[in-house]
Amino acid sequence: MSGHPQLPGELWTPPAELSDQPQQWPVGSSCRPYDGAFVQVREDEVRGPTDEVFTRAVVEHPGAVGVLALDEDDRVLLLSQYRHAVGQRLLEIPAGILDVEGEPPQQAAARELAEEAGVAAHAWQRLLTLWPSPGVSNEHWQVFVARGLTALSPQAQAELPAARHEEADLEIVWVPLAEAIRAVLAGRLCDSMAAAAVLAVAAGG
């Protein structure tokens, strides 16, 4: 007999590889108590497999992209930005919502890198696909690694839209990747997209 304690659950052999699986439980009534410019709130009456009926609120979100930009010296481009909801100035990677209809995610990521940091990249790689808060929101992230970085030309800079709101107070910070990893693990860099991207690259992403 094994000396390991018996724990609940079963060994699971996925069909091909370890992966999340699509599933949709039946929804009865549904309403929208809030309909904002960028997010909406939907309340669904859900019926579970045991016929239990319960209500779930879903924050609907168009999705977002993020960019972990690495220069030739393995420095990470971070943005210091005020976030009102948490009352802190966070270190983040360039990111933005998918608010341009039909825009491919990588193109949106390149646009955000240009608008927020004044930087272009010549090499792109998909890094992560994430559901940041699936218990309450359908928000979906696609994160890229960008390399081969160059500063935008003055003409290209002049064509960018004027920064507004929190983005008008952004500060660009270049941090060695090793220091960014230490900051994540020490709880000093807590933005979830930035933390996930830094650790994914550290793991060989």
N, C-alpha and C. Protein backbone atom coordinates (compact mmCIF):
# COMPACT_ATOMS: atom_id res chain seq x y z
N MET A 1 0.86 -1.20 0.00
CA MET A 1 0.00 0.00 0.00
C MET A 1 0.89 1.25 0.00
N SER A 2 0.49 2.23 -0.75
CA SER A 2 1.26 3.46 -0.83
C SER A 2 1.24 4.19 0.51
N GLY A 3 2.37 4.83 0.82
CA GLY A 3 2.44 5.60 2.05
C GLY A 3 1.84 6.99 1.92
N HIS A 4 1.40 7.36 0.71
CA HIS A 4 0.82 8.68 0.50
C HIS A 4 -0.62 8.70 0.98
N PRO A 5 -1.08 9.82 1.55
CA PRO A 5 -2.48 9.90 2.00
C PRO A 5 -3.43 9.83 0.81
N GLN A 6 -4.59 9.23 1.04
CA GLN A 6 -5.61 9.14 0.00
C GLN A 6 -6.31 10.49 -0.13
N LEU A 7 -6.27 11.07 -1.30
CA LEU A 7 -6.87 12.38 -1.54
C LEU A 7 -8.06 12.23 -2.46
N PRO A 8 -9.05 13.14 -2.34
CA PRO A 8 -10.23 13.04 -3.20
C PRO A 8 -9.90 13.33 -4.65
N GLY A 9 -10.73 12.79 -5.54
CA GLY A 9 -10.54 13.02 -6.97
C GLY A 9 -9.99 11.79 -7.66
N GLU A 10 -9.96 11.86 -8.96
CA GLU A 10 -9.49 10.74 -9.76
C GLU A 10 -8.36 11.18 -10.67
N LEU A 11 -7.50 10.22 -11.02
CA LEU A 11 -6.55 10.49 -12.07
C LEU A 11 -7.31 10.64 -13.38
N TRP A 12 -7.01 11.70 -14.08
CA TRP A 12 -7.77 12.00 -15.30
C TRP A 12 -6.85 11.95 -16.50
N THR A 13 -7.24 11.18 -17.49
CA THR A 13 -6.48 11.11 -18.72
C THR A 13 -7.24 11.87 -19.79
N PRO A 14 -6.77 13.05 -20.17
CA PRO A 14 -7.48 13.84 -21.19
C PRO A 14 -7.42 13.14 -22.54
N PRO A 15 -8.34 13.50 -23.44
CA PRO A 15 -8.39 12.83 -24.75
C PRO A 15 -7.07 12.89 -25.52
N ALA A 16 -6.42 14.04 -25.54
CA ALA A 16 -5.18 14.16 -26.29
C ALA A 16 -4.10 14.86 -25.46
N GLU A 17 -4.44 16.00 -24.90
CA GLU A 17 -3.51 16.76 -24.08
C GLU A 17 -4.29 17.52 -23.03
N LEU A 18 -3.59 17.91 -21.96
CA LEU A 18 -4.24 18.64 -20.87
C LEU A 18 -4.82 19.94 -21.41
N SER A 19 -6.11 20.14 -21.24
CA SER A 19 -6.76 21.30 -21.84
C SER A 19 -8.09 21.58 -21.16
N ASP A 20 -8.46 22.87 -21.08
CA ASP A 20 -9.81 23.23 -20.70
C ASP A 20 -10.78 22.71 -21.76
N GLN A 21 -12.04 22.51 -21.36
CA GLN A 21 -13.03 21.96 -22.28
C GLN A 21 -14.26 22.87 -22.34
N PRO A 22 -14.80 23.10 -23.52
CA PRO A 22 -16.02 23.92 -23.63
C PRO A 22 -17.22 23.21 -23.02
N GLN A 23 -18.06 23.96 -22.36
CA GLN A 23 -19.29 23.43 -21.77
C GLN A 23 -20.23 24.59 -21.52
N GLN A 24 -21.53 24.36 -21.67
CA GLN A 24 -22.50 25.42 -21.45
C GLN A 24 -23.72 24.84 -20.74
N TRP A 25 -23.96 25.23 -19.50
CA TRP A 25 -25.15 24.79 -18.79
C TRP A 25 -26.35 25.61 -19.26
N PRO A 26 -27.56 25.04 -19.21
CA PRO A 26 -28.76 25.73 -19.71
C PRO A 26 -29.04 27.02 -18.93
N VAL A 27 -29.47 28.03 -19.65
CA VAL A 27 -29.84 29.32 -19.06
C VAL A 27 -31.32 29.56 -19.30
N GLY A 28 -32.03 29.89 -18.22
CA GLY A 28 -33.44 30.22 -18.35
C GLY A 28 -33.60 31.69 -18.66
N SER A 29 -34.02 32.47 -17.69
CA SER A 29 -34.19 33.90 -17.90
C SER A 29 -32.84 34.60 -17.83
N SER A 30 -32.77 35.77 -18.46
CA SER A 30 -31.55 36.56 -18.46
C SER A 30 -31.92 38.04 -18.55
N CYS A 31 -31.19 38.89 -17.83
CA CYS A 31 -31.46 40.32 -17.89
C CYS A 31 -30.14 41.07 -17.80
N ARG A 32 -30.18 42.38 -18.12
CA ARG A 32 -28.98 43.21 -18.10
C ARG A 32 -29.23 44.43 -17.20
N PRO A 33 -28.80 44.35 -15.93
CA PRO A 33 -29.00 45.48 -15.02
C PRO A 33 -28.06 46.65 -15.28
N TYR A 34 -26.97 46.41 -16.02
CA TYR A 34 -26.04 47.51 -16.31
C TYR A 34 -25.51 47.36 -17.72
N ASP A 35 -25.53 48.47 -18.47
CA ASP A 35 -25.06 48.47 -19.86
C ASP A 35 -24.16 49.68 -20.06
N GLY A 36 -22.85 49.50 -19.82
CA GLY A 36 -21.92 50.60 -19.88
C GLY A 36 -21.21 50.70 -21.22
N ALA A 37 -20.28 51.64 -21.31
CA ALA A 37 -19.58 51.89 -22.56
C ALA A 37 -18.61 50.77 -22.90
N PHE A 38 -17.91 50.23 -21.88
CA PHE A 38 -16.90 49.20 -22.13
C PHE A 38 -17.28 47.84 -21.57
N VAL A 39 -18.04 47.83 -20.48
CA VAL A 39 -18.48 46.56 -19.91
C VAL A 39 -19.98 46.60 -19.68
N GLN A 40 -20.58 45.42 -19.70
CA GLN A 40 -21.99 45.25 -19.39
C GLN A 40 -22.12 44.17 -18.33
N VAL A 41 -23.21 44.20 -17.57
CA VAL A 41 -23.47 43.16 -16.58
C VAL A 41 -24.73 42.41 -16.99
N ARG A 42 -24.59 41.08 -17.07
CA ARG A 42 -25.71 40.21 -17.41
C ARG A 42 -25.99 39.28 -16.24
N GLU A 43 -27.27 39.10 -15.90
CA GLU A 43 -27.65 38.15 -14.86
C GLU A 43 -28.40 36.99 -15.50
N ASP A 44 -27.86 35.78 -15.32
CA ASP A 44 -28.45 34.58 -15.91
C ASP A 44 -29.01 33.67 -14.82
N GLU A 45 -30.13 33.05 -15.11
CA GLU A 45 -30.67 31.98 -14.28
C GLU A 45 -30.16 30.67 -14.85
N VAL A 46 -29.26 30.02 -14.13
CA VAL A 46 -28.55 28.84 -14.64
C VAL A 46 -29.11 27.58 -13.99
N ARG A 47 -29.25 26.52 -14.80
CA ARG A 47 -29.67 25.22 -14.28
C ARG A 47 -28.49 24.27 -14.31
N GLY A 48 -28.07 23.77 -13.14
CA GLY A 48 -26.94 22.87 -13.04
C GLY A 48 -27.30 21.43 -13.37
N PRO A 49 -26.32 20.53 -13.39
CA PRO A 49 -26.56 19.13 -13.74
C PRO A 49 -27.50 18.40 -12.80
N THR A 50 -27.63 18.88 -11.54
CA THR A 50 -28.55 18.25 -10.59
C THR A 50 -29.91 18.93 -10.57
N ASP A 51 -30.17 19.77 -11.57
CA ASP A 51 -31.41 20.56 -11.69
C ASP A 51 -31.51 21.69 -10.68
N GLU A 52 -30.43 21.98 -9.96
CA GLU A 52 -30.41 23.15 -9.10
C GLU A 52 -30.40 24.39 -9.97
N VAL A 53 -31.24 25.38 -9.64
CA VAL A 53 -31.31 26.63 -10.39
C VAL A 53 -30.74 27.75 -9.52
N PHE A 54 -29.83 28.53 -10.12
CA PHE A 54 -29.20 29.61 -9.36
C PHE A 54 -28.88 30.76 -10.31
N THR A 55 -28.59 31.93 -9.74
CA THR A 55 -28.32 33.13 -10.53
C THR A 55 -26.82 33.43 -10.53
N ARG A 56 -26.31 33.76 -11.70
CA ARG A 56 -24.92 34.16 -11.84
C ARG A 56 -24.86 35.49 -12.59
N ALA A 57 -24.11 36.44 -12.02
CA ALA A 57 -23.86 37.72 -12.69
C ALA A 57 -22.59 37.58 -13.52
N VAL A 58 -22.64 38.04 -14.77
CA VAL A 58 -21.51 37.96 -15.69
C VAL A 58 -21.15 39.37 -16.17
N VAL A 59 -19.92 39.77 -15.94
CA VAL A 59 -19.43 41.03 -16.48
C VAL A 59 -18.94 40.75 -17.90
N GLU A 60 -19.65 41.30 -18.88
CA GLU A 60 -19.27 41.09 -20.28
C GLU A 60 -18.20 42.10 -20.68
N HIS A 61 -17.17 41.62 -21.34
CA HIS A 61 -16.01 42.44 -21.68
C HIS A 61 -15.54 42.07 -23.07
N PRO A 62 -15.12 43.03 -23.90
CA PRO A 62 -14.73 42.71 -25.28
C PRO A 62 -13.42 41.95 -25.40
N GLY A 63 -12.68 41.79 -24.30
CA GLY A 63 -11.39 41.12 -24.37
C GLY A 63 -10.25 42.12 -24.46
N ALA A 64 -9.03 41.65 -24.27
CA ALA A 64 -7.88 42.54 -24.23
C ALA A 64 -6.64 41.83 -24.75
N VAL A 65 -5.65 42.64 -25.08
CA VAL A 65 -4.34 42.13 -25.48
C VAL A 65 -3.28 42.78 -24.61
N GLY A 66 -2.14 42.10 -24.49
CA GLY A 66 -1.01 42.65 -23.76
C GLY A 66 0.28 42.31 -24.48
N VAL A 67 1.33 43.08 -24.19
CA VAL A 67 2.63 42.91 -24.86
C VAL A 67 3.74 42.88 -23.82
N LEU A 68 4.47 41.77 -23.76
CA LEU A 68 5.71 41.75 -23.00
C LEU A 68 6.82 42.08 -23.97
N ALA A 69 7.31 43.32 -23.93
CA ALA A 69 8.34 43.79 -24.85
C ALA A 69 9.71 43.61 -24.20
N LEU A 70 10.60 42.89 -24.90
CA LEU A 70 11.95 42.61 -24.40
C LEU A 70 12.97 43.22 -25.35
N ASP A 71 13.91 43.99 -24.80
CA ASP A 71 14.95 44.55 -25.66
C ASP A 71 16.14 43.59 -25.77
N GLU A 72 17.20 44.02 -26.45
CA GLU A 72 18.34 43.14 -26.70
C GLU A 72 19.11 42.80 -25.44
N ASP A 73 18.91 43.58 -24.38
CA ASP A 73 19.59 43.32 -23.11
C ASP A 73 18.69 42.57 -22.13
N ASP A 74 17.59 41.97 -22.63
CA ASP A 74 16.64 41.24 -21.79
C ASP A 74 16.01 42.13 -20.72
N ARG A 75 15.75 43.36 -21.10
CA ARG A 75 15.01 44.25 -20.22
C ARG A 75 13.55 44.26 -20.64
N VAL A 76 12.67 44.32 -19.65
CA VAL A 76 11.23 44.33 -19.88
C VAL A 76 10.72 45.76 -19.85
N LEU A 77 9.86 46.10 -20.80
CA LEU A 77 9.22 47.41 -20.82
C LEU A 77 7.98 47.34 -19.93
N LEU A 78 8.00 48.13 -18.86
CA LEU A 78 6.87 48.22 -17.95
C LEU A 78 6.33 49.65 -17.94
N LEU A 79 5.06 49.77 -17.64
CA LEU A 79 4.41 51.07 -17.52
C LEU A 79 3.93 51.25 -16.09
N SER A 80 4.26 52.37 -15.50
CA SER A 80 3.74 52.72 -14.19
C SER A 80 2.48 53.55 -14.41
N GLN A 81 1.34 53.02 -13.94
CA GLN A 81 0.05 53.65 -14.25
C GLN A 81 -0.87 53.61 -13.04
N TYR A 82 -1.56 54.71 -12.80
CA TYR A 82 -2.54 54.79 -11.71
C TYR A 82 -3.77 53.97 -12.07
N ARG A 83 -4.26 53.17 -11.10
CA ARG A 83 -5.47 52.38 -11.28
C ARG A 83 -6.43 52.72 -10.15
N HIS A 84 -7.50 53.40 -10.49
CA HIS A 84 -8.43 53.93 -9.49
C HIS A 84 -9.12 52.83 -8.71
N ALA A 85 -9.47 51.73 -9.36
CA ALA A 85 -10.24 50.67 -8.69
C ALA A 85 -9.49 50.08 -7.51
N VAL A 86 -8.17 50.01 -7.59
CA VAL A 86 -7.39 49.42 -6.49
C VAL A 86 -6.63 50.48 -5.69
N GLY A 87 -6.72 51.74 -6.11
CA GLY A 87 -6.06 52.82 -5.39
C GLY A 87 -4.56 52.67 -5.33
N GLN A 88 -3.96 52.26 -6.45
CA GLN A 88 -2.52 52.08 -6.49
C GLN A 88 -1.98 52.47 -7.86
N ARG A 89 -0.70 52.74 -7.87
CA ARG A 89 0.01 52.92 -9.13
C ARG A 89 0.72 51.60 -9.41
N LEU A 90 0.31 50.92 -10.48
CA LEU A 90 0.79 49.57 -10.75
C LEU A 90 1.83 49.57 -11.87
N LEU A 91 2.70 48.57 -11.80
CA LEU A 91 3.62 48.29 -12.90
C LEU A 91 2.96 47.27 -13.81
N GLU A 92 2.74 47.66 -15.07
CA GLU A 92 2.01 46.83 -16.01
C GLU A 92 2.79 46.71 -17.31
N ILE A 93 2.38 45.77 -18.16
CA ILE A 93 2.88 45.74 -19.52
C ILE A 93 1.91 46.52 -20.40
N PRO A 94 2.35 47.02 -21.56
CA PRO A 94 1.41 47.68 -22.47
C PRO A 94 0.24 46.75 -22.79
N ALA A 95 -0.96 47.28 -22.70
CA ALA A 95 -2.15 46.45 -22.89
C ALA A 95 -3.33 47.34 -23.23
N GLY A 96 -4.38 46.73 -23.75
CA GLY A 96 -5.58 47.48 -24.06
C GLY A 96 -6.70 46.56 -24.49
N ILE A 97 -7.91 47.09 -24.48
CA ILE A 97 -9.07 46.28 -24.83
C ILE A 97 -9.20 46.17 -26.36
N LEU A 98 -9.88 45.13 -26.78
CA LEU A 98 -10.14 44.91 -28.21
C LEU A 98 -11.39 45.71 -28.59
N ASP A 99 -11.19 47.00 -28.79
CA ASP A 99 -12.33 47.89 -29.04
C ASP A 99 -12.41 48.37 -30.49
N VAL A 100 -11.57 47.84 -31.38
CA VAL A 100 -11.65 48.16 -32.80
C VAL A 100 -12.19 46.94 -33.52
N GLU A 101 -13.38 47.06 -34.06
CA GLU A 101 -14.06 45.91 -34.67
C GLU A 101 -13.21 45.32 -35.80
N GLY A 102 -13.00 44.00 -35.74
CA GLY A 102 -12.30 43.29 -36.79
C GLY A 102 -10.78 43.37 -36.71
N GLU A 103 -10.23 44.10 -35.73
CA GLU A 103 -8.78 44.23 -35.63
C GLU A 103 -8.18 42.94 -35.07
N PRO A 104 -7.22 42.31 -35.77
CA PRO A 104 -6.58 41.10 -35.26
C PRO A 104 -5.86 41.39 -33.95
N PRO A 105 -5.83 40.42 -33.02
CA PRO A 105 -5.20 40.67 -31.71
C PRO A 105 -3.75 41.14 -31.79
N GLN A 106 -2.95 40.54 -32.67
CA GLN A 106 -1.54 40.97 -32.75
C GLN A 106 -1.44 42.41 -33.23
N GLN A 107 -2.29 42.78 -34.15
CA GLN A 107 -2.29 44.17 -34.63
C GLN A 107 -2.72 45.11 -33.52
N ALA A 108 -3.70 44.70 -32.71
CA ALA A 108 -4.11 45.51 -31.58
C ALA A 108 -2.98 45.65 -30.57
N ALA A 109 -2.23 44.56 -30.36
CA ALA A 109 -1.10 44.62 -29.43
C ALA A 109 -0.03 45.58 -29.93
N ALA A 110 0.24 45.54 -31.24
CA ALA A 110 1.22 46.46 -31.81
C ALA A 110 0.76 47.91 -31.66
N ARG A 111 -0.53 48.13 -31.84
CA ARG A 111 -1.08 49.48 -31.69
C ARG A 111 -0.92 49.97 -30.25
N GLU A 112 -1.20 49.11 -29.29
CA GLU A 112 -1.06 49.50 -27.88
C GLU A 112 0.39 49.78 -27.53
N LEU A 113 1.32 48.97 -28.04
CA LEU A 113 2.74 49.20 -27.78
C LEU A 113 3.17 50.55 -28.32
N ALA A 114 2.67 50.90 -29.50
CA ALA A 114 3.01 52.19 -30.10
C ALA A 114 2.39 53.34 -29.32
N GLU A 115 1.09 53.23 -29.01
CA GLU A 115 0.39 54.33 -28.38
C GLU A 115 0.86 54.58 -26.94
N GLU A 116 1.13 53.51 -26.21
CA GLU A 116 1.46 53.68 -24.80
C GLU A 116 2.95 53.87 -24.54
N ALA A 117 3.80 53.33 -25.45
CA ALA A 117 5.23 53.38 -25.17
C ALA A 117 6.05 54.02 -26.29
N GLY A 118 5.44 54.30 -27.45
CA GLY A 118 6.20 54.88 -28.55
C GLY A 118 7.21 53.92 -29.14
N VAL A 119 6.89 52.62 -29.13
CA VAL A 119 7.82 51.58 -29.55
C VAL A 119 7.16 50.69 -30.60
N ALA A 120 7.97 50.25 -31.59
CA ALA A 120 7.55 49.26 -32.57
C ALA A 120 8.39 48.00 -32.38
N ALA A 121 7.86 46.85 -32.81
CA ALA A 121 8.58 45.59 -32.69
C ALA A 121 8.59 44.88 -34.03
N HIS A 122 9.69 44.18 -34.31
CA HIS A 122 9.82 43.47 -35.59
C HIS A 122 9.57 41.98 -35.47
N ALA A 123 9.55 41.45 -34.25
CA ALA A 123 9.32 40.02 -34.05
C ALA A 123 8.23 39.82 -33.00
N TRP A 124 7.22 39.03 -33.35
CA TRP A 124 6.09 38.81 -32.46
C TRP A 124 5.89 37.31 -32.25
N GLN A 125 5.49 36.97 -31.01
CA GLN A 125 5.21 35.58 -30.67
C GLN A 125 4.06 35.54 -29.67
N ARG A 126 3.08 34.67 -29.94
CA ARG A 126 1.99 34.51 -28.97
C ARG A 126 2.54 33.85 -27.71
N LEU A 127 2.19 34.38 -26.55
CA LEU A 127 2.73 33.88 -25.29
C LEU A 127 1.67 33.19 -24.45
N LEU A 128 0.55 33.84 -24.20
CA LEU A 128 -0.46 33.33 -23.28
C LEU A 128 -1.86 33.62 -23.76
N THR A 129 -2.78 32.75 -23.42
CA THR A 129 -4.22 33.00 -23.55
C THR A 129 -4.82 32.78 -22.16
N LEU A 130 -5.53 33.77 -21.64
CA LEU A 130 -5.98 33.72 -20.25
C LEU A 130 -7.42 34.19 -20.09
N TRP A 131 -8.12 33.56 -19.15
CA TRP A 131 -9.38 34.08 -18.61
C TRP A 131 -9.02 34.66 -17.24
N PRO A 132 -8.89 35.97 -17.07
CA PRO A 132 -8.39 36.52 -15.81
C PRO A 132 -9.32 36.35 -14.62
N SER A 133 -10.64 36.32 -14.86
CA SER A 133 -11.57 36.21 -13.73
C SER A 133 -12.82 35.46 -14.18
N PRO A 134 -12.69 34.15 -14.50
CA PRO A 134 -13.81 33.41 -15.10
C PRO A 134 -14.99 33.19 -14.16
N GLY A 135 -14.81 33.44 -12.88
CA GLY A 135 -15.94 33.29 -11.97
C GLY A 135 -16.98 34.38 -12.13
N VAL A 136 -16.58 35.53 -12.69
CA VAL A 136 -17.53 36.64 -12.79
C VAL A 136 -17.52 37.33 -14.16
N SER A 137 -16.56 37.00 -15.03
CA SER A 137 -16.45 37.75 -16.28
C SER A 137 -16.03 36.85 -17.43
N ASN A 138 -16.47 37.22 -18.64
CA ASN A 138 -16.03 36.51 -19.85
C ASN A 138 -14.83 37.21 -20.49
N GLU A 139 -14.19 38.11 -19.76
CA GLU A 139 -13.01 38.81 -20.28
C GLU A 139 -11.93 37.80 -20.66
N HIS A 140 -11.31 38.02 -21.82
CA HIS A 140 -10.36 37.07 -22.39
C HIS A 140 -9.11 37.83 -22.80
N TRP A 141 -7.94 37.32 -22.43
CA TRP A 141 -6.69 38.00 -22.75
C TRP A 141 -5.86 37.19 -23.73
N GLN A 142 -5.21 37.89 -24.65
CA GLN A 142 -4.18 37.30 -25.50
C GLN A 142 -2.92 38.14 -25.33
N VAL A 143 -1.85 37.48 -24.89
CA VAL A 143 -0.61 38.18 -24.55
C VAL A 143 0.49 37.73 -25.51
N PHE A 144 1.27 38.69 -25.97
CA PHE A 144 2.33 38.45 -26.94
C PHE A 144 3.68 38.86 -26.37
N VAL A 145 4.75 38.23 -26.87
CA VAL A 145 6.11 38.69 -26.65
C VAL A 145 6.55 39.46 -27.88
N ALA A 146 7.12 40.63 -27.68
CA ALA A 146 7.60 41.46 -28.78
C ALA A 146 9.10 41.67 -28.62
N ARG A 147 9.84 41.44 -29.71
CA ARG A 147 11.29 41.63 -29.70
C ARG A 147 11.69 42.43 -30.94
N GLY A 148 12.96 42.78 -31.02
CA GLY A 148 13.41 43.61 -32.13
C GLY A 148 12.80 44.99 -32.03
N LEU A 149 12.99 45.63 -30.90
CA LEU A 149 12.29 46.89 -30.60
C LEU A 149 13.03 48.10 -31.17
N THR A 150 12.25 49.05 -31.66
CA THR A 150 12.78 50.34 -32.11
C THR A 150 11.82 51.44 -31.67
N ALA A 151 12.36 52.63 -31.47
CA ALA A 151 11.52 53.78 -31.16
C ALA A 151 10.80 54.23 -32.41
N LEU A 152 9.55 54.67 -32.25
CA LEU A 152 8.82 55.22 -33.38
C LEU A 152 9.50 56.49 -33.89
N SER A 153 9.39 56.72 -35.18
CA SER A 153 9.92 57.96 -35.75
C SER A 153 9.11 59.15 -35.24
N PRO A 154 9.69 60.35 -35.26
CA PRO A 154 8.92 61.53 -34.84
C PRO A 154 7.61 61.69 -35.62
N GLN A 155 7.63 61.36 -36.92
CA GLN A 155 6.40 61.46 -37.71
C GLN A 155 5.35 60.48 -37.21
N ALA A 156 5.77 59.24 -36.94
CA ALA A 156 4.82 58.25 -36.43
C ALA A 156 4.30 58.65 -35.05
N GLN A 157 5.19 59.20 -34.22
CA GLN A 157 4.77 59.67 -32.90
C GLN A 157 3.69 60.75 -33.02
N ALA A 158 3.89 61.65 -33.98
CA ALA A 158 2.95 62.76 -34.14
C ALA A 158 1.58 62.29 -34.58
N GLU A 159 1.50 61.13 -35.22
CA GLU A 159 0.23 60.61 -35.71
C GLU A 159 -0.55 59.83 -34.67
N LEU A 160 0.06 59.59 -33.51
CA LEU A 160 -0.63 58.84 -32.46
C LEU A 160 -1.72 59.70 -31.82
N PRO A 161 -2.79 59.07 -31.36
CA PRO A 161 -3.83 59.85 -30.66
C PRO A 161 -3.29 60.41 -29.36
N ALA A 162 -3.81 61.53 -28.95
CA ALA A 162 -3.38 62.16 -27.70
C ALA A 162 -3.77 61.29 -26.51
N ALA A 163 -2.85 61.12 -25.57
CA ALA A 163 -3.14 60.32 -24.37
C ALA A 163 -4.15 61.04 -23.50
N ARG A 164 -5.09 60.26 -22.92
CA ARG A 164 -6.13 60.85 -22.08
C ARG A 164 -6.25 60.06 -20.78
N HIS A 165 -6.87 60.70 -19.79
CA HIS A 165 -7.18 60.06 -18.52
C HIS A 165 -5.90 59.50 -17.87
N GLU A 166 -5.96 58.25 -17.37
CA GLU A 166 -4.78 57.68 -16.71
C GLU A 166 -3.59 57.56 -17.65
N GLU A 167 -3.85 57.34 -18.93
CA GLU A 167 -2.76 57.16 -19.88
C GLU A 167 -1.95 58.44 -20.09
N ALA A 168 -2.52 59.58 -19.74
CA ALA A 168 -1.78 60.83 -19.87
C ALA A 168 -0.70 60.97 -18.80
N ASP A 169 -0.71 60.06 -17.83
CA ASP A 169 0.26 60.13 -16.73
C ASP A 169 1.13 58.87 -16.67
N LEU A 170 1.24 58.15 -17.78
CA LEU A 170 2.07 56.95 -17.82
C LEU A 170 3.55 57.28 -17.64
N GLU A 171 4.27 56.38 -16.98
CA GLU A 171 5.72 56.46 -16.91
C GLU A 171 6.30 55.15 -17.45
N ILE A 172 7.27 55.25 -18.37
CA ILE A 172 7.90 54.07 -18.96
C ILE A 172 9.10 53.67 -18.12
N VAL A 173 9.17 52.38 -17.79
CA VAL A 173 10.24 51.86 -16.95
C VAL A 173 10.84 50.63 -17.64
N TRP A 174 12.17 50.61 -17.78
CA TRP A 174 12.87 49.44 -18.32
C TRP A 174 13.51 48.69 -17.17
N VAL A 175 13.16 47.40 -17.03
CA VAL A 175 13.59 46.60 -15.89
C VAL A 175 14.23 45.30 -16.40
N PRO A 176 15.40 44.91 -15.87
CA PRO A 176 15.95 43.60 -16.24
C PRO A 176 14.94 42.49 -15.95
N LEU A 177 14.84 41.54 -16.86
CA LEU A 177 13.87 40.45 -16.70
C LEU A 177 14.05 39.75 -15.36
N ALA A 178 15.28 39.51 -14.94
CA ALA A 178 15.52 38.83 -13.67
C ALA A 178 14.94 39.61 -12.50
N GLU A 179 15.03 40.94 -12.54
CA GLU A 179 14.47 41.77 -11.47
C GLU A 179 12.94 41.74 -11.51
N ALA A 180 12.36 41.72 -12.71
CA ALA A 180 10.91 41.63 -12.84
C ALA A 180 10.41 40.31 -12.24
N ILE A 181 11.12 39.23 -12.49
CA ILE A 181 10.74 37.93 -11.92
C ILE A 181 10.77 37.99 -10.40
N ARG A 182 11.85 38.55 -9.84
CA ARG A 182 11.95 38.66 -8.39
C ARG A 182 10.82 39.51 -7.81
N ALA A 183 10.47 40.59 -8.52
CA ALA A 183 9.40 41.47 -8.04
C ALA A 183 8.06 40.76 -8.03
N VAL A 184 7.79 39.93 -9.04
CA VAL A 184 6.55 39.15 -9.06
C VAL A 184 6.51 38.19 -7.88
N LEU A 185 7.56 37.42 -7.69
CA LEU A 185 7.58 36.39 -6.65
C LEU A 185 7.58 37.00 -5.25
N ALA A 186 8.06 38.23 -5.12
CA ALA A 186 8.07 38.90 -3.82
C ALA A 186 6.78 39.66 -3.55
N GLY A 187 5.86 39.66 -4.50
CA GLY A 187 4.60 40.37 -4.31
C GLY A 187 4.71 41.87 -4.48
N ARG A 188 5.75 42.31 -5.20
CA ARG A 188 5.93 43.75 -5.44
C ARG A 188 5.42 44.17 -6.80
N LEU A 189 5.20 43.23 -7.70
CA LEU A 189 4.63 43.47 -9.02
C LEU A 189 3.41 42.57 -9.12
N CYS A 190 2.23 43.17 -8.96
CA CYS A 190 1.02 42.38 -8.72
C CYS A 190 -0.02 42.43 -9.84
N ASP A 191 0.20 43.24 -10.86
CA ASP A 191 -0.74 43.22 -11.98
C ASP A 191 -0.74 41.82 -12.60
N SER A 192 -1.91 41.22 -12.74
CA SER A 192 -1.97 39.81 -13.11
C SER A 192 -1.47 39.53 -14.52
N MET A 193 -1.76 40.41 -15.48
CA MET A 193 -1.28 40.17 -16.84
C MET A 193 0.24 40.28 -16.88
N ALA A 194 0.80 41.30 -16.25
CA ALA A 194 2.25 41.47 -16.23
C ALA A 194 2.92 40.31 -15.52
N ALA A 195 2.38 39.90 -14.38
CA ALA A 195 2.98 38.81 -13.61
C ALA A 195 2.96 37.52 -14.41
N ALA A 196 1.82 37.20 -15.03
CA ALA A 196 1.72 35.97 -15.81
C ALA A 196 2.69 35.99 -16.99
N ALA A 197 2.80 37.13 -17.66
CA ALA A 197 3.68 37.22 -18.82
C ALA A 197 5.14 37.09 -18.42
N VAL A 198 5.53 37.74 -17.35
CA VAL A 198 6.92 37.66 -16.88
C VAL A 198 7.28 36.22 -16.53
N LEU A 199 6.42 35.54 -15.78
CA LEU A 199 6.71 34.17 -15.37
C LEU A 199 6.67 33.21 -16.56
N ALA A 200 5.80 33.47 -17.54
CA ALA A 200 5.74 32.61 -18.72
C ALA A 200 7.03 32.71 -19.53
N VAL A 201 7.54 33.92 -19.67
CA VAL A 201 8.81 34.08 -20.39
C VAL A 201 9.95 33.44 -19.59
N ALA A 202 9.91 33.58 -18.28
CA ALA A 202 10.94 32.96 -17.44
C ALA A 202 10.92 31.44 -17.58
N ALA A 203 9.75 30.87 -17.84
CA ALA A 203 9.60 29.43 -17.98
C ALA A 203 9.95 28.95 -19.38
N GLY A 204 10.35 29.89 -20.24
CA GLY A 204 10.75 29.52 -21.59
C GLY A 204 9.73 29.82 -22.65
N GLY A 205 8.74 30.66 -22.32
CA GLY A 205 7.70 31.00 -23.28
C GLY A 205 8.20 31.94 -24.36
